[in-house]
Amino acid sequence: MLVRLFVLPLVAAVGLVLSGGAVNSADAATVCAGRPAETVKFKTGELRVYKSRSYACAVAVAKKPGPRRKMSVLIQARGGSPVVDSGTYAKQAGPVTVHALNRCVRATATISGKSGTTGWTLC
């Protein structure tokens, strides 16, 4: 009985936090931690790269949110494997995050066949 009194509300609260139930900002979906480090604009959107102490994160944001279209975002730390989010989205692809302590990273975003890339950065 005591377990139900304490565990069930805790599980409900964690579910609310993970689902983003209390979020209402348009930019709240961009959940990259850290400070904005670089932005690359291209015809159909922009690639945003963020840097925290140990991690780098990237997100591709459409210039005009609307119907679902093919989007992808990739980030790779030098010497590591790339992390990719690809699919059909209305507003953004990502975020994708890599461990980048003392390593350069590169990121690429593609929206509706147009793309932008950073080259090696955050070195």
C-alpha atoms as a PDB file:
ATOM      1  CA  MET A   1       0.000   0.000   0.000  1.00  0.00           C
ATOM      2  CA  LEU A   2       2.783   2.450   0.860  1.00  0.00           C
ATOM      3  CA  VAL A   3       4.516   1.602  -2.392  1.00  0.00           C
ATOM      4  CA  ARG A   4       1.434   2.709  -4.340  1.00  0.00           C
ATOM      5  CA  LEU A   5       1.289   5.991  -2.441  1.00  0.00           C
ATOM      6  CA  PHE A   6       4.871   6.923  -3.263  1.00  0.00           C
ATOM      7  CA  VAL A   7       5.895   5.093  -6.423  1.00  0.00           C
ATOM      8  CA  LEU A   8       2.871   5.773  -8.643  1.00  0.00           C
ATOM      9  CA  PRO A   9       2.982   9.580  -8.258  1.00  0.00           C
ATOM     10  CA  LEU A  10       6.735   9.453  -8.876  1.00  0.00           C
ATOM     11  CA  VAL A  11       6.264   7.411 -12.047  1.00  0.00           C
ATOM     12  CA  ALA A  12       3.565   9.829 -13.245  1.00  0.00           C
ATOM     13  CA  ALA A  13       5.827  12.833 -12.591  1.00  0.00           C
ATOM     14  CA  VAL A  14       8.752  11.244 -14.453  1.00  0.00           C
ATOM     15  CA  GLY A  15       6.448  10.441 -17.375  1.00  0.00           C
ATOM     16  CA  LEU A  16       5.260  14.044 -17.486  1.00  0.00           C
ATOM     17  CA  VAL A  17       8.816  15.350 -17.495  1.00  0.00           C
ATOM     18  CA  LEU A  18       9.966  12.900 -20.199  1.00  0.00           C
ATOM     19  CA  SER A  19       6.983  13.621 -22.419  1.00  0.00           C
ATOM     20  CA  GLY A  20       7.458  17.373 -22.080  1.00  0.00           C
ATOM     21  CA  GLY A  21       3.930  17.927 -20.838  1.00  0.00           C
ATOM     22  CA  ALA A  22       4.608  21.327 -19.303  1.00  0.00           C
ATOM     23  CA  VAL A  23       6.592  22.738 -22.237  1.00  0.00           C
ATOM     24  CA  ASN A  24       4.902  25.365 -24.396  1.00  0.00           C
ATOM     25  CA  SER A  25       7.741  27.346 -26.014  1.00  0.00           C
ATOM     26  CA  ALA A  26       8.355  26.981 -29.737  1.00  0.00           C
ATOM     27  CA  ASP A  27      12.101  26.565 -29.187  1.00  0.00           C
ATOM     28  CA  ALA A  28      11.673  24.140 -26.294  1.00  0.00           C
ATOM     29  CA  ALA A  29      11.941  21.182 -28.680  1.00  0.00           C
ATOM     30  CA  THR A  30      15.586  22.101 -29.261  1.00  0.00           C
ATOM     31  CA  VAL A  31      16.903  20.258 -26.239  1.00  0.00           C
ATOM     32  CA  CYS A  32      20.620  20.644 -26.860  1.00  0.00           C
ATOM     33  CA  ALA A  33      22.496  21.395 -23.678  1.00  0.00           C
ATOM     34  CA  GLY A  34      25.172  24.044 -23.625  1.00  0.00           C
ATOM     35  CA  ARG A  35      25.736  27.346 -25.370  1.00  0.00           C
ATOM     36  CA  PRO A  36      25.122  28.086 -29.047  1.00  0.00           C
ATOM     37  CA  ALA A  37      28.476  27.650 -30.783  1.00  0.00           C
ATOM     38  CA  GLU A  38      27.766  27.908 -34.498  1.00  0.00           C
ATOM     39  CA  THR A  39      24.843  28.463 -36.866  1.00  0.00           C
ATOM     40  CA  VAL A  40      24.961  27.686 -40.578  1.00  0.00           C
ATOM     41  CA  LYS A  41      22.078  29.061 -42.629  1.00  0.00           C
ATOM     42  CA  PHE A  42      21.114  27.537 -45.955  1.00  0.00           C
ATOM     43  CA  LYS A  43      18.183  27.897 -48.353  1.00  0.00           C
ATOM     44  CA  THR A  44      15.643  25.674 -46.558  1.00  0.00           C
ATOM     45  CA  GLY A  45      16.742  26.096 -42.927  1.00  0.00           C
ATOM     46  CA  GLU A  46      19.667  26.216 -40.578  1.00  0.00           C
ATOM     47  CA  LEU A  47      22.078  23.964 -38.749  1.00  0.00           C
ATOM     48  CA  ARG A  48      22.565  24.858 -35.085  1.00  0.00           C
ATOM     49  CA  VAL A  49      25.530  23.497 -33.131  1.00  0.00           C
ATOM     50  CA  TYR A  50      25.770  23.742 -29.337  1.00  0.00           C
ATOM     51  CA  LYS A  51      28.730  23.053 -27.057  1.00  0.00           C
ATOM     52  CA  SER A  52      28.841  22.118 -23.399  1.00  0.00           C
ATOM     53  CA  ARG A  53      31.991  21.196 -21.507  1.00  0.00           C
ATOM     54  CA  SER A  54      32.145  17.587 -22.715  1.00  0.00           C
ATOM     55  CA  TYR A  55      29.517  17.329 -25.451  1.00  0.00           C
ATOM     56  CA  ALA A  56      28.546  18.836 -28.776  1.00  0.00           C
ATOM     57  CA  CYS A  57      24.990  18.764 -30.069  1.00  0.00           C
ATOM     58  CA  ALA A  58      23.392  19.613 -33.421  1.00  0.00           C
ATOM     59  CA  VAL A  59      19.881  20.217 -34.694  1.00  0.00           C
ATOM     60  CA  ALA A  60      18.488  21.032 -38.156  1.00  0.00           C
ATOM     61  CA  VAL A  61      15.637  23.569 -38.079  1.00  0.00           C
ATOM     62  CA  ALA A  62      13.403  24.262 -41.084  1.00  0.00           C
ATOM     63  CA  LYS A  63      13.121  27.875 -42.233  1.00  0.00           C
ATOM     64  CA  LYS A  64       9.364  27.467 -42.725  1.00  0.00           C
ATOM     65  CA  PRO A  65       7.801  24.767 -40.532  1.00  0.00           C
ATOM     66  CA  GLY A  66       4.901  23.097 -42.265  1.00  0.00           C
ATOM     67  CA  PRO A  67       4.242  19.834 -44.038  1.00  0.00           C
ATOM     68  CA  ARG A  68       6.439  16.882 -43.201  1.00  0.00           C
ATOM     69  CA  ARG A  69       9.494  16.613 -45.422  1.00  0.00           C
ATOM     70  CA  LYS A  70      12.760  14.725 -45.485  1.00  0.00           C
ATOM     71  CA  MET A  71      15.308  16.080 -42.976  1.00  0.00           C
ATOM     72  CA  SER A  72      18.520  14.823 -41.461  1.00  0.00           C
ATOM     73  CA  VAL A  73      21.214  16.033 -39.113  1.00  0.00           C
ATOM     74  CA  LEU A  74      24.612  14.448 -38.493  1.00  0.00           C
ATOM     75  CA  ILE A  75      27.330  15.226 -35.963  1.00  0.00           C
ATOM     76  CA  GLN A  76      30.690  13.516 -35.634  1.00  0.00           C
ATOM     77  CA  ALA A  77      33.586  13.998 -33.246  1.00  0.00           C
ATOM     78  CA  ARG A  78      37.019  13.629 -34.840  1.00  0.00           C
ATOM     79  CA  GLY A  79      38.043   9.988 -34.551  1.00  0.00           C
ATOM     80  CA  GLY A  80      34.513   8.886 -33.653  1.00  0.00           C
ATOM     81  CA  SER A  81      31.482   7.523 -35.445  1.00  0.00           C
ATOM     82  CA  PRO A  82      28.811   9.886 -36.754  1.00  0.00           C
ATOM     83  CA  VAL A  83      25.457  10.170 -34.992  1.00  0.00           C
ATOM     84  CA  VAL A  84      22.515  10.745 -37.349  1.00  0.00           C
ATOM     85  CA  ASP A  85      18.823  11.558 -37.062  1.00  0.00           C
ATOM     86  CA  SER A  86      17.021  11.179 -40.371  1.00  0.00           C
ATOM     87  CA  GLY A  87      13.341  11.025 -41.275  1.00  0.00           C
ATOM     88  CA  THR A  88      10.345  13.083 -42.301  1.00  0.00           C
ATOM     89  CA  TYR A  89       9.683  15.981 -39.953  1.00  0.00           C
ATOM     90  CA  ALA A  90       7.649  19.194 -39.962  1.00  0.00           C
ATOM     91  CA  LYS A  91      10.034  21.469 -38.047  1.00  0.00           C
ATOM     92  CA  GLN A  92      13.361  19.932 -37.052  1.00  0.00           C
ATOM     93  CA  ALA A  93      15.637  16.906 -37.124  1.00  0.00           C
ATOM     94  CA  GLY A  94      17.620  16.104 -34.023  1.00  0.00           C
ATOM     95  CA  PRO A  95      19.004  16.827 -31.563  1.00  0.00           C
ATOM     96  CA  VAL A  96      22.015  14.531 -31.925  1.00  0.00           C
ATOM     97  CA  THR A  97      24.838  14.574 -29.379  1.00  0.00           C
ATOM     98  CA  VAL A  98      28.436  13.298 -29.282  1.00  0.00           C
ATOM     99  CA  HIS A  99      31.116  13.270 -26.609  1.00  0.00           C
ATOM    100  CA  ALA A 100      33.558  15.963 -27.730  1.00  0.00           C
ATOM    101  CA  LEU A 101      35.895  16.736 -24.846  1.00  0.00           C
ATOM    102  CA  ASN A 102      39.101  18.083 -26.463  1.00  0.00           C
ATOM    103  CA  ARG A 103      37.973  16.972 -29.939  1.00  0.00           C
ATOM    104  CA  CYS A 104      36.866  18.825 -33.049  1.00  0.00           C
ATOM    105  CA  VAL A 105      33.431  18.062 -34.450  1.00  0.00           C
ATOM    106  CA  ARG A 106      31.702  18.469 -37.788  1.00  0.00           C
ATOM    107  CA  ALA A 107      27.988  18.663 -38.445  1.00  0.00           C
ATOM    108  CA  THR A 108      25.769  18.541 -41.513  1.00  0.00           C
ATOM    109  CA  ALA A 109      22.059  19.245 -41.925  1.00  0.00           C
ATOM    110  CA  THR A 110      19.857  18.479 -44.919  1.00  0.00           C
ATOM    111  CA  ILE A 111      16.290  19.708 -45.414  1.00  0.00           C
ATOM    112  CA  SER A 112      14.389  18.983 -48.632  1.00  0.00           C
ATOM    113  CA  GLY A 113      17.598  18.263 -50.539  1.00  0.00           C
ATOM    114  CA  LYS A 114      19.419  21.476 -49.519  1.00  0.00           C
ATOM    115  CA  SER A 115      22.204  21.265 -46.953  1.00  0.00           C
ATOM    116  CA  GLY A 116      24.634  23.139 -44.775  1.00  0.00           C
ATOM    117  CA  THR A 117      27.814  21.946 -43.086  1.00  0.00           C
ATOM    118  CA  THR A 118      30.271  23.277 -40.532  1.00  0.00           C
ATOM    119  CA  GLY A 119      33.462  21.549 -41.534  1.00  0.00           C
ATOM    120  CA  TRP A 120      35.713  20.718 -38.560  1.00  0.00           C
ATOM    121  CA  THR A 121      34.913  23.195 -35.790  1.00  0.00           C
ATOM    122  CA  LEU A 122      35.030  23.677 -32.000  1.00  0.00           C
ATOM    123  CA  CYS A 123      38.720  22.693 -32.055  1.00  0.00           C
END
